[in-house]
C-alpha atoms as a PDB file:
ATOM      1  CA  MET A   1      -0.089  -0.221  -0.178  1.00  0.00           C
ATOM      2  CA  VAL A   2       1.366   3.445  -0.802  1.00  0.00           C
ATOM      3  CA  ASP A   3       1.354   6.047   1.952  1.00  0.00           C
ATOM      4  CA  SER A   4       0.272   9.570   1.210  1.00  0.00           C
ATOM      5  CA  ARG A   5       4.096  10.935   0.985  1.00  0.00           C
ATOM      6  CA  GLU A   6       4.819   8.203  -1.575  1.00  0.00           C
ATOM      7  CA  ALA A   7       1.585   8.966  -3.565  1.00  0.00           C
ATOM      8  CA  ALA A   8       2.331  12.906  -3.678  1.00  0.00           C
ATOM      9  CA  LEU A   9       5.946  12.158  -5.128  1.00  0.00           C
ATOM     10  CA  ILE A  10       4.823   9.760  -7.414  1.00  0.00           C
ATOM     11  CA  ALA A  11       2.215  12.079  -8.448  1.00  0.00           C
ATOM     12  CA  ARG A  12       4.671  14.969  -8.927  1.00  0.00           C
ATOM     13  CA  VAL A  13       7.046  12.659 -10.756  1.00  0.00           C
ATOM     14  CA  ARG A  14       4.138  11.729 -13.313  1.00  0.00           C
ATOM     15  CA  MET A  15       4.144  15.705 -13.848  1.00  0.00           C
ATOM     16  CA  GLY A  16       7.910  15.764 -14.879  1.00  0.00           C
ATOM     17  CA  HIS A  17       9.262  17.029 -11.473  1.00  0.00           C
ATOM     18  CA  GLU A  18      12.997  15.525 -11.680  1.00  0.00           C
ATOM     19  CA  LEU A  19      13.518  16.324  -7.955  1.00  0.00           C
ATOM     20  CA  ALA A  20      10.490  14.619  -6.850  1.00  0.00           C
ATOM     21  CA  TYR A  21      11.952  11.660  -8.744  1.00  0.00           C
ATOM     22  CA  ALA A  22      15.388  11.829  -7.103  1.00  0.00           C
ATOM     23  CA  GLU A  23      13.724  11.876  -3.692  1.00  0.00           C
ATOM     24  CA  LEU A  24      11.517   8.899  -4.614  1.00  0.00           C
ATOM     25  CA  LEU A  25      14.359   7.018  -5.924  1.00  0.00           C
ATOM     26  CA  ALA A  26      17.281   7.593  -3.610  1.00  0.00           C
ATOM     27  CA  PRO A  27      16.203   5.209  -0.722  1.00  0.00           C
ATOM     28  CA  LEU A  28      16.126   2.333  -3.396  1.00  0.00           C
ATOM     29  CA  LEU A  29      19.019   2.584  -4.865  1.00  0.00           C
ATOM     30  CA  PRO A  30      21.341   0.790  -2.225  1.00  0.00           C
ATOM     31  CA  LEU A  31      18.721  -1.911  -2.075  1.00  0.00           C
ATOM     32  CA  GLY A  32      18.784  -2.028  -6.113  1.00  0.00           C
ATOM     33  CA  ALA A  33      22.112  -2.218  -6.098  1.00  0.00           C
ATOM     34  CA  ARG A  34      22.281  -5.056  -3.525  1.00  0.00           C
ATOM     35  CA  LEU A  35      19.855  -6.976  -5.534  1.00  0.00           C
ATOM     36  CA  ALA A  36      21.815  -6.287  -8.934  1.00  0.00           C
ATOM     37  CA  TYR A  37      24.927  -7.696  -7.255  1.00  0.00           C
ATOM     38  CA  GLY A  38      23.021 -10.674  -5.994  1.00  0.00           C
ATOM     39  CA  LEU A  39      21.824 -11.808  -9.009  1.00  0.00           C
ATOM     40  CA  LEU A  40      24.977 -10.682 -11.301  1.00  0.00           C
ATOM     41  CA  GLN A  41      27.821 -11.025  -8.887  1.00  0.00           C
ATOM     42  CA  ASP A  42      29.751  -8.396 -10.457  1.00  0.00           C
ATOM     43  CA  ARG A  43      29.867  -4.751  -9.050  1.00  0.00           C
ATOM     44  CA  CYS A  44      30.128  -3.004 -12.351  1.00  0.00           C
ATOM     45  CA  ALA A  45      27.602  -4.880 -13.984  1.00  0.00           C
ATOM     46  CA  ALA A  46      25.179  -4.369 -11.149  1.00  0.00           C
ATOM     47  CA  GLU A  47      25.590  -0.590 -11.366  1.00  0.00           C
ATOM     48  CA  ASP A  48      25.121  -0.426 -14.807  1.00  0.00           C
ATOM     49  CA  CYS A  49      21.828  -2.210 -14.366  1.00  0.00           C
ATOM     50  CA  VAL A  50      20.515  -0.165 -11.570  1.00  0.00           C
ATOM     51  CA  GLN A  51      21.217   3.094 -13.761  1.00  0.00           C
ATOM     52  CA  GLU A  52      19.447   1.701 -16.497  1.00  0.00           C
ATOM     53  CA  ALA A  53      16.607   0.713 -14.292  1.00  0.00           C
ATOM     54  CA  ALA A  54      16.375   4.047 -12.698  1.00  0.00           C
ATOM     55  CA  LEU A  55      16.290   5.704 -15.986  1.00  0.00           C
ATOM     56  CA  ARG A  56      13.608   3.109 -17.282  1.00  0.00           C
ATOM     57  CA  ALA A  57      11.684   3.890 -13.932  1.00  0.00           C
ATOM     58  CA  TRP A  58      11.577   7.537 -14.973  1.00  0.00           C
ATOM     59  CA  ARG A  59      10.687   7.048 -18.602  1.00  0.00           C
ATOM     60  CA  ARG A  60       8.062   4.667 -17.792  1.00  0.00           C
ATOM     61  CA  ILE A  61       6.290   5.794 -14.461  1.00  0.00           C
ATOM     62  CA  GLU A  62       2.921   6.158 -16.275  1.00  0.00           C
ATOM     63  CA  ASN A  63       3.007   2.204 -16.418  1.00  0.00           C
ATOM     64  CA  LEU A  64       2.964   2.177 -12.380  1.00  0.00           C
ATOM     65  CA  GLU A  65      -0.431   1.291 -11.311  1.00  0.00           C
ATOM     66  CA  PRO A  66      -2.501   3.842  -9.095  1.00  0.00           C
ATOM     67  CA  GLY A  67      -2.062   2.984  -5.595  1.00  0.00           C
ATOM     68  CA  ARG A  68       0.953   0.559  -5.987  1.00  0.00           C
ATOM     69  CA  SER A  69       4.105   1.081  -4.122  1.00  0.00           C
ATOM     70  CA  PHE A  70       7.209   2.452  -6.288  1.00  0.00           C
ATOM     71  CA  ARG A  71       9.599  -0.011  -4.276  1.00  0.00           C
ATOM     72  CA  PRO A  72       8.561  -3.279  -5.661  1.00  0.00           C
ATOM     73  CA  TRP A  73       7.797  -1.826  -8.928  1.00  0.00           C
ATOM     74  CA  PHE A  74      11.334  -0.406  -9.328  1.00  0.00           C
ATOM     75  CA  LEU A  75      12.951  -3.530  -8.051  1.00  0.00           C
ATOM     76  CA  GLY A  76      10.875  -5.269 -10.495  1.00  0.00           C
ATOM     77  CA  ILE A  77      12.468  -3.311 -13.303  1.00  0.00           C
ATOM     78  CA  VAL A  78      16.063  -3.983 -11.625  1.00  0.00           C
ATOM     79  CA  ALA A  79      15.562  -7.727 -11.714  1.00  0.00           C
ATOM     80  CA  ASN A  80      14.234  -7.552 -15.352  1.00  0.00           C
ATOM     81  CA  ARG A  81      17.491  -5.464 -16.261  1.00  0.00           C
ATOM     82  CA  CYS A  82      19.800  -7.880 -14.757  1.00  0.00           C
ATOM     83  CA  ARG A  83      17.968 -11.054 -16.487  1.00  0.00           C
ATOM     84  CA  GLU A  84      18.337  -9.045 -19.660  1.00  0.00           C
ATOM     85  CA  ALA A  85      22.023  -8.246 -19.041  1.00  0.00           C
ATOM     86  CA  ARG A  86      22.963 -12.055 -18.245  1.00  0.00           C
ATOM     87  CA  ARG A  87      21.192 -12.873 -21.513  1.00  0.00           C
ATOM     88  CA  SER A  88      23.526 -10.302 -23.633  1.00  0.00           C
ATOM     89  CA  SER A  89      26.452 -11.966 -25.493  1.00  0.00           C
ATOM     90  CA  TRP A  90      28.678  -9.287 -23.687  1.00  0.00           C
ATOM     91  CA  TRP A  91      27.926 -10.799 -20.358  1.00  0.00           C
ATOM     92  CA  LEU A  92      29.331 -14.200 -21.592  1.00  0.00           C
ATOM     93  CA  PHE A  93      32.408 -12.489 -22.652  1.00  0.00           C
ATOM     94  CA  SER A  94      32.978 -10.463 -19.318  1.00  0.00           C
ATOM     95  CA  THR A  95      32.653 -13.375 -17.307  1.00  0.00           C
ATOM     96  CA  TRP A  96      36.079 -14.430 -18.454  1.00  0.00           C
ATOM     97  CA  LEU A  97      37.693 -11.156 -17.585  1.00  0.00           C
ATOM     98  CA  PRO A  98      39.886 -11.283 -14.693  1.00  0.00           C
ATOM     99  CA  VAL A  99      38.862 -10.003 -11.067  1.00  0.00           C
ATOM    100  CA  PRO A 100      40.530  -6.902 -10.165  1.00  0.00           C
ATOM    101  CA  ASP A 101      43.066  -6.907  -6.958  1.00  0.00           C
ATOM    102  CA  ASP A 102      41.174  -4.040  -5.339  1.00  0.00           C
ATOM    103  CA  VAL A 103      37.996  -5.857  -4.765  1.00  0.00           C
ATOM    104  CA  PRO A 104      36.136  -3.857  -1.985  1.00  0.00           C
ATOM    105  CA  ASP A 105      35.339  -5.639   1.515  1.00  0.00           C
ATOM    106  CA  VAL A 106      31.542  -6.206   0.785  1.00  0.00           C
ATOM    107  CA  GLU A 107      32.785  -8.282  -2.033  1.00  0.00           C
ATOM    108  CA  ILE A 108      35.343 -10.038  -0.264  1.00  0.00           C
ATOM    109  CA  ASP A 109      32.553 -10.912   2.176  1.00  0.00           C
ATOM    110  CA  TRP A 110      30.510 -12.127  -0.647  1.00  0.00           C
ATOM    111  CA  LEU A 111      33.785 -14.388  -2.375  1.00  0.00           C
ATOM    112  CA  ARG A 112      34.121 -16.076   1.158  1.00  0.00           C
ATOM    113  CA  TRP A 113      30.945 -18.007   0.268  1.00  0.00           C
ATOM    114  CA  ALA A 114      32.170 -18.852  -3.240  1.00  0.00           C
ATOM    115  CA  ASP A 115      30.665 -22.301  -3.255  1.00  0.00           C
ATOM    116  CA  LEU A 116      27.058 -21.061  -2.311  1.00  0.00           C
ATOM    117  CA  ARG A 117      27.567 -18.094  -4.697  1.00  0.00           C
ATOM    118  CA  THR A 118      28.335 -20.417  -7.498  1.00  0.00           C
ATOM    119  CA  ALA A 119      25.354 -22.909  -6.592  1.00  0.00           C
ATOM    120  CA  VAL A 120      22.833 -19.538  -6.473  1.00  0.00           C
ATOM    121  CA  GLY A 121      24.287 -18.448  -9.747  1.00  0.00           C
ATOM    122  CA  ARG A 122      23.380 -21.614 -11.501  1.00  0.00           C
ATOM    123  CA  LEU A 123      20.072 -21.518 -10.479  1.00  0.00           C
ATOM    124  CA  PRO A 124      17.244 -20.566 -13.040  1.00  0.00           C
ATOM    125  CA  TYR A 125      16.784 -17.031 -12.900  1.00  0.00           C
ATOM    126  CA  ARG A 126      12.957 -17.471 -11.542  1.00  0.00           C
ATOM    127  CA  LEU A 127      14.500 -19.054  -8.556  1.00  0.00           C
ATOM    128  CA  ARG A 128      17.450 -17.127  -8.010  1.00  0.00           C
ATOM    129  CA  VAL A 129      15.578 -13.850  -7.984  1.00  0.00           C
ATOM    130  CA  ALA A 130      13.058 -15.074  -5.446  1.00  0.00           C
ATOM    131  CA  ILE A 131      15.866 -16.296  -3.041  1.00  0.00           C
ATOM    132  CA  VAL A 132      17.943 -13.002  -3.675  1.00  0.00           C
ATOM    133  CA  LEU A 133      15.171 -10.882  -2.878  1.00  0.00           C
ATOM    134  CA  HIS A 134      13.859 -12.893   0.314  1.00  0.00           C
ATOM    135  CA  PHE A 135      17.192 -13.853   1.823  1.00  0.00           C
ATOM    136  CA  TYR A 136      19.880 -11.441   0.575  1.00  0.00           C
ATOM    137  CA  LEU A 137      17.555  -8.454   0.584  1.00  0.00           C
ATOM    138  CA  ASP A 138      15.588  -9.547   3.635  1.00  0.00           C
ATOM    139  CA  MET A 139      12.338  -8.772   2.086  1.00  0.00           C
ATOM    140  CA  PRO A 140       9.077 -10.108   3.286  1.00  0.00           C
ATOM    141  CA  LEU A 141       7.404 -12.597   1.075  1.00  0.00           C
ATOM    142  CA  GLU A 142       4.635 -10.137   0.478  1.00  0.00           C
ATOM    143  CA  ASP A 143       7.296  -7.465  -1.112  1.00  0.00           C
ATOM    144  CA  VAL A 144       9.149 -10.237  -3.128  1.00  0.00           C
ATOM    145  CA  ALA A 145       5.541 -11.331  -4.588  1.00  0.00           C
ATOM    146  CA  ALA A 146       4.450  -7.820  -5.164  1.00  0.00           C
ATOM    147  CA  THR A 147       8.059  -7.101  -6.963  1.00  0.00           C
ATOM    148  CA  LEU A 148       7.960 -10.390  -9.088  1.00  0.00           C
ATOM    149  CA  GLY A 149       4.116  -9.908  -9.808  1.00  0.00           C
ATOM    150  CA  LEU A 150       3.285 -13.228  -7.978  1.00  0.00           C
ATOM    151  CA  ARG A 151       1.166 -14.458  -5.406  1.00  0.00           C
ATOM    152  CA  ILE A 152       2.785 -15.387  -2.015  1.00  0.00           C
ATOM    153  CA  ALA A 153       2.241 -19.133  -2.817  1.00  0.00           C
ATOM    154  CA  GLY A 154       3.945 -18.946  -6.070  1.00  0.00           C
ATOM    155  CA  VAL A 155       7.069 -16.999  -4.018  1.00  0.00           C
ATOM    156  CA  LYS A 156       7.086 -19.784  -1.442  1.00  0.00           C
ATOM    157  CA  THR A 157       6.863 -22.387  -4.054  1.00  0.00           C
ATOM    158  CA  ARG A 158      10.168 -20.563  -6.104  1.00  0.00           C
ATOM    159  CA  ILE A 159      11.957 -20.366  -2.839  1.00  0.00           C
ATOM    160  CA  ASN A 160      11.344 -24.045  -1.980  1.00  0.00           C
ATOM    161  CA  GLN A 161      12.422 -25.113  -5.045  1.00  0.00           C
ATOM    162  CA  GLY A 162      15.562 -22.951  -4.969  1.00  0.00           C
ATOM    163  CA  LEU A 163      16.486 -24.368  -1.658  1.00  0.00           C
ATOM    164  CA  ARG A 164      16.058 -27.638  -2.396  1.00  0.00           C
ATOM    165  CA  ARG A 165      18.476 -27.369  -5.316  1.00  0.00           C
ATOM    166  CA  LEU A 166      20.837 -25.307  -3.216  1.00  0.00           C
ATOM    167  CA  ARG A 167      21.014 -28.111  -0.724  1.00  0.00           C
ATOM    168  CA  THR A 168      21.504 -30.864  -3.277  1.00  0.00           C
ATOM    169  CA  ALA A 169      24.233 -28.558  -4.901  1.00  0.00           C
ATOM    170  CA  MET A 170      26.144 -27.960  -1.676  1.00  0.00           C
ATOM    171  CA  GLU A 171      25.760 -31.580  -0.363  1.00  0.00           C
ATOM    172  CA  ALA A 172      27.351 -32.494  -3.652  1.00  0.00           C
ATOM    173  CA  GLU A 173      30.078 -29.935  -3.239  1.00  0.00           C
ATOM    174  CA  VAL A 174      30.852 -31.216   0.244  1.00  0.00           C
ATOM    175  CA  LYS A 175      30.830 -34.788  -1.025  1.00  0.00           C
ATOM    176  CA  ASP A 176      33.564 -33.963  -3.704  1.00  0.00           C
ATOM    177  CA  ARG A 177      35.994 -32.524  -1.320  1.00  0.00           C
END
């Protein structure tokens, strides 16, 4: 549900007020970046996707249904942009590029969980995005459902399927050691 402040900002954005859009978008950029990084596992690609999603949201603000919150709508755009990025031929090439030496601490923490990260990255997109939204971004099921345009039961199904696959992959990894 949209609060009155958010509804007023959205109305101003629809009239073309750039500052209102900046105010609406600013608190969501870190969340969008975390989502994109969780899906792409590449900081630069994640930043690009969030920037492109922000531009798309600005251009398509009329597509936001009245009474719908901006947050899940914007995060849905970020998730879709990440899916598009992974489908591009550049993505396939860029995954072979070497990792730079000056990796930030946030990414070092992520790298410590390389086996899990690899397993999450191998999940089909529809399962991966639900898991990243719920566990990595700590979003409640209701928000994940709104972001993905699903019912809560559908989100639970995707998360459970993803967790089963992750459990199987991680058990196989332990056996291989």
